[in-house]
Structure formats: structure tokens, C-alpha cells
Protein backbone atom coordinates (compact mmCIF):
# COMPACT_ATOMS: atom_id res chain seq x y z
CA MET A 1 0.00 0.00 0.00
CA ASP A 2 1.44 3.34 -1.02
CA LEU A 3 1.08 5.81 1.81
CA GLN A 4 1.58 9.52 1.35
CA GLN A 5 3.61 11.30 4.02
CA SER A 6 0.48 12.89 5.50
CA ASP A 7 -1.17 9.45 5.82
CA PHE A 8 1.96 8.04 7.41
CA ASP A 9 2.06 10.96 9.87
CA ARG A 10 -1.59 10.39 10.77
CA ILE A 11 -0.99 6.69 11.37
CA LEU A 12 1.98 7.50 13.63
CA PHE A 13 0.00 10.14 15.52
CA PHE A 14 -3.03 7.93 16.13
CA GLU A 15 -0.94 4.86 16.89
CA HIS A 16 0.83 6.93 19.56
CA ALA A 17 -2.59 8.13 20.78
CA ARG A 18 -3.83 4.53 20.95
CA LYS A 19 -0.80 3.40 22.98
CA THR A 20 -1.09 6.40 25.32
CA ALA A 21 -4.80 5.69 25.89
CA GLU A 22 -4.06 2.01 26.51
CA ALA A 23 -1.39 2.91 29.12
CA THR A 24 -3.73 5.45 30.76
CA HIS A 25 -6.51 2.85 30.87
CA ALA A 26 -4.22 0.39 32.67
CA LYS A 27 -3.70 2.98 35.44
CA ASN A 28 -7.25 4.36 35.54
CA PRO A 29 -9.87 2.14 33.83
CA PRO A 30 -13.02 4.15 34.69
CA ASP A 31 -12.14 7.18 32.51
CA ALA A 32 -14.80 7.93 29.87
CA ASP A 33 -12.67 10.65 28.20
CA ASN A 34 -9.73 8.28 27.77
CA LEU A 35 -11.93 5.45 26.45
CA THR A 36 -13.41 7.87 23.89
CA ARG A 37 -9.93 9.01 22.78
CA TRP A 38 -8.82 5.37 22.53
CA ALA A 39 -11.82 4.49 20.37
CA GLY A 40 -11.27 7.57 18.17
CA ALA A 41 -7.66 6.51 17.57
CA LEU A 42 -8.78 2.97 16.66
CA LEU A 43 -11.33 4.34 14.19
CA GLU A 44 -8.67 6.49 12.55
CA ILE A 45 -6.16 3.62 12.27
CA SER A 46 -8.87 1.25 10.97
CA GLN A 47 -9.14 3.11 7.67
CA PHE A 48 -5.60 2.03 6.73
CA GLN A 49 -6.22 -1.71 7.32
CA ASN A 50 -7.65 -4.48 5.17
CA VAL A 51 -11.41 -5.01 5.43
CA GLN A 52 -11.37 -7.72 8.12
CA GLU A 53 -8.82 -5.89 10.27
CA SER A 54 -10.84 -2.67 9.86
CA LYS A 55 -13.97 -4.45 11.09
CA ASN A 56 -12.08 -5.87 14.09
CA MET A 57 -10.75 -2.43 15.04
CA ILE A 58 -14.18 -0.82 14.59
CA GLN A 59 -15.70 -3.52 16.84
CA ASP A 60 -13.00 -2.84 19.44
CA ALA A 61 -13.75 0.91 19.23
CA ILE A 62 -17.49 0.22 19.67
CA SER A 63 -16.88 -1.79 22.85
CA LYS A 64 -14.70 1.01 24.29
CA LEU A 65 -17.31 3.65 23.46
CA GLU A 66 -20.05 1.54 25.05
CA GLU A 67 -17.86 1.26 28.15
CA ALA A 68 -17.40 5.05 28.16
CA LEU A 69 -21.17 5.51 27.97
CA LEU A 70 -21.70 3.17 30.92
CA LEU A 71 -19.47 5.55 32.90
CA ASN A 72 -21.08 8.70 31.49
CA PRO A 73 -24.32 8.10 29.50
CA LYS A 74 -24.54 11.77 28.46
CA LYS A 75 -21.03 11.96 26.94
CA HIS A 76 -21.94 13.42 23.55
CA GLU A 77 -18.46 12.87 22.03
CA ALA A 78 -18.73 9.13 22.75
CA LEU A 79 -22.30 9.00 21.39
CA TRP A 80 -21.19 10.73 18.20
CA CYS A 81 -18.09 8.52 17.78
CA LEU A 82 -20.32 5.47 18.26
CA GLY A 83 -22.51 6.73 15.41
CA ASN A 84 -19.40 7.02 13.22
CA ALA A 85 -18.22 3.53 14.19
CA HIS A 86 -21.57 1.99 13.22
CA THR A 87 -21.57 3.94 9.94
CA SER A 88 -18.05 2.70 9.13
CA HIS A 89 -19.05 -0.87 9.90
CA ALA A 90 -22.14 -0.54 7.68
CA PHE A 91 -20.10 0.57 4.67
CA LEU A 92 -17.84 -2.47 5.06
CA THR A 93 -20.88 -4.77 5.12
CA PRO A 94 -21.98 -5.84 1.61
CA ASP A 95 -25.44 -7.14 2.64
CA PRO A 96 -27.87 -4.15 2.52
CA GLU A 97 -30.17 -5.61 5.21
CA GLU A 98 -27.30 -6.18 7.63
CA ALA A 99 -25.86 -2.74 6.82
CA LYS A 100 -29.28 -1.18 7.44
CA GLY A 101 -29.11 -2.24 11.10
CA TYR A 102 -25.75 -0.49 11.51
CA PHE A 103 -27.06 2.65 9.79
CA GLU A 104 -30.11 2.70 12.10
CA SER A 105 -27.84 2.38 15.15
CA ALA A 106 -25.64 5.18 13.80
CA ALA A 107 -28.63 7.51 13.32
CA HIS A 108 -29.82 6.71 16.86
CA TYR A 109 -26.44 7.66 18.36
CA PHE A 110 -26.13 10.81 16.20
CA GLN A 111 -29.62 11.82 17.40
CA GLN A 112 -28.60 11.29 21.03
CA ALA A 113 -25.38 13.28 20.57
CA ALA A 114 -27.31 16.14 18.95
CA ALA A 115 -29.86 16.06 21.80
CA GLU A 116 -27.04 16.31 24.39
CA GLU A 117 -25.39 19.23 22.55
CA PRO A 118 -28.00 20.84 20.26
CA GLY A 119 -25.74 23.67 19.06
CA ASN A 120 -23.10 21.34 17.61
CA ASP A 121 -23.12 21.69 13.80
CA ILE A 122 -21.06 18.52 13.27
CA TYR A 123 -23.66 16.43 15.10
CA GLN A 124 -26.48 18.00 13.08
CA LYS A 125 -24.60 17.41 9.82
CA SER A 126 -23.91 13.80 10.82
CA LEU A 127 -27.64 13.28 11.33
CA GLU A 128 -28.36 14.66 7.84
CA VAL A 129 -25.65 12.49 6.25
CA ALA A 130 -26.88 9.42 8.17
CA ALA A 131 -30.25 9.75 6.43
CA LYS A 132 -28.52 9.51 3.01
CA ALA A 133 -25.97 6.83 3.98
CA PRO A 134 -28.07 3.73 3.07
CA GLU A 135 -28.59 5.16 -0.43
CA LEU A 136 -24.85 5.75 -0.80
CA HIS A 137 -24.18 2.21 0.47
CA VAL A 138 -26.40 0.73 -2.28
CA GLU A 139 -24.64 2.82 -4.94
CA ILE A 140 -21.16 1.89 -3.73
CA HIS A 141 -21.90 -1.83 -3.60
CA LYS A 142 -23.79 -1.72 -6.91
CA HIS A 143 -20.60 -0.40 -8.56
CA GLY A 144 -18.53 -3.33 -7.41
CA PHE A 145 -17.17 -2.38 -4.01
CA GLY A 146 -19.01 -5.41 -2.58
CA GLN A 147 -17.10 -7.76 -4.88
CA GLN A 148 -13.86 -5.98 -4.02
CA VAL A 149 -14.56 -6.43 -0.32
CA MET A 150 -15.29 -10.12 -0.85
CA GLY A 151 -12.26 -10.48 -3.14
CA ALA A 152 -9.99 -8.93 -0.55
CA ALA A 153 -11.34 -11.36 2.04
CA ASP A 154 -11.27 -14.46 -0.20
CA GLY A 155 -7.59 -14.51 -1.01
CA PRO A 156 -5.33 -14.30 -4.06
CA SER A 157 -6.65 -13.76 -7.57
CA THR A 158 -5.25 -15.46 -10.66
CA SER A 159 -3.24 -12.49 -11.91
CA SER A 160 -0.99 -10.61 -9.52
CA GLY A 161 -1.22 -7.47 -11.72
CA ALA A 162 -5.02 -7.58 -11.67
CA LYS A 163 -4.94 -8.22 -7.94
CA ALA A 164 -2.71 -5.20 -7.32
CA ALA A 165 -4.91 -2.93 -9.46
CA LYS A 166 -8.05 -4.25 -7.79
CA LYS A 167 -6.54 -3.85 -4.34
CA LYS A 168 -5.46 -0.27 -5.08
CA LYS A 169 -8.92 0.58 -6.43
CA SER A 170 -10.53 -1.01 -3.38
CA SER A 171 -8.19 0.88 -1.03
CA ASP A 172 -8.81 4.19 -2.79
CA LEU A 173 -12.57 3.70 -2.58
CA LYS A 174 -12.34 2.63 1.05
CA TYR A 175 -10.39 5.82 1.86
CA ASP A 176 -13.05 7.89 0.08
CA ILE A 177 -15.82 6.24 2.10
CA PHE A 178 -13.97 6.54 5.38
CA GLY A 179 -12.80 10.05 4.62
CA TRP A 180 -16.08 11.79 5.33
CA ILE A 181 -16.88 9.49 8.24
CA ILE A 182 -13.58 9.52 10.06
CA LEU A 183 -12.22 13.02 9.51
CA ALA A 184 -14.37 14.50 12.23
CA VAL A 185 -13.54 11.60 14.57
CA GLY A 186 -9.94 12.73 14.28
CA ILE A 187 -10.93 16.29 15.13
CA VAL A 188 -12.75 15.10 18.26
CA ALA A 189 -9.86 12.81 19.25
CA TRP A 190 -7.32 15.57 18.62
CA ALA A 191 -9.36 18.06 20.66
CA GLY A 192 -9.64 15.46 23.41
CA PHE A 193 -5.85 15.35 23.82
CA GLY A 194 -5.84 19.02 24.71
CA LYS A 195 -8.14 18.41 27.70
CA PRO A 196 -6.72 17.48 31.08
CA ASN A 197 -7.50 13.99 32.34
CA VAL A 198 -10.42 14.68 34.65
CA PRO A 199 -12.10 11.78 36.40
CA PRO A 200 -15.79 11.27 35.51
CA PRO A 201 -18.37 12.81 37.86
CA PRO A 202 -19.70 10.52 40.60
CA PRO A 203 -22.95 8.70 39.75
CA GLN A 204 -26.07 10.50 40.96
């Protein structure tokens, strides 16, 4: 996979963020902010992996975000990241019915995030985009991304040249899909690193 310098820098940054969050979690597990940053880093890194590895990382991010929400159910950043994680998973799922469930979950979490922080334009925009996402999913998979996903999972093709071209096309398309989903996750994760590590408020 050919990575541009900016992509390589992003991978390094978010890999460092992931390791930092992991170390912080070992010292202080009940930290919703840290779990959200950890999940955001995983979502960022996932876009540079193959399809199966991406799904595994997204699933890992989802479990961390759900843990963060158990600690602080009103944490709008975690709700919004969870919406992005479900959207990402949906786009990597060729079956429209299965993907629909992920899109519905995403819309639910975007709605909750917007309800917790009504003035946030990103949350409102995510809600609007979520309504169009199933349509985009159908278009993407109709134009062969579904076969590319399956091909990447099935193993080698007969011609190594064709395989390389197909893999590059699949990677480029995957970056395009993830681009609009994940960019804002990075913004939230980046902003999160500027905040001091404050323990969550006591349960009421």
C-alpha cells in the first residue's frame, strides 16, 4: 500500500494516541474521556487496514465507546463517535439488510449526541448524512465495491497485476468512504488530547 507522508504521519500520531490511551486505561480504567480518545484513535487507524482488520478495530472501538457511555451516558463525544463507528461498519458490510441495522444504530447515536449538545453543527450534519448513507451504500456496492470487499477477504486472484490494481482501487474507494466518516472523529480525538485527564463525575 502506497502511503503519502500525510497518511503516514496520521498513522503514527493515532498509533501513539492509541498506545497512550491504553497505558492510561491500565492505570485508571473508569475514565470515559480516555476510552473515547482510545476508540477515536482505533477508528482512525482502521481506515488504513484491510477489510477484516478494519472491522475488528471498529468492533474494538465500539466496545470502548459503550464502556465510556456506561461511565457517562450523556457523553456526547462518545455517542457521536459510536454513530461514526456503526456507519463505518455498515459501509464495510456488503449485505444491505445487515448494513441497514448499523445505519439505524448510527442515526440513533447521532440523534442522542445532537440532543445532548444541540448547538453542535457537526452532530447535526452527521444526522443529515446518516439519512442519506443507506442510499450511498447501495450505490457503492452496486458499482462493485461489494465484490472488491469479498475479493480482498477471499484470497489471491489469478493475476498478480489484476490483484494489485483491484486492491489499489478497493483501497482508494475505502479511503473515500472513510474520509467523510472519520475526519471529524480525528478532530474530536485531537481536541480530546488538549483536555486534562479529569475523572468522571460521581454517579447520581
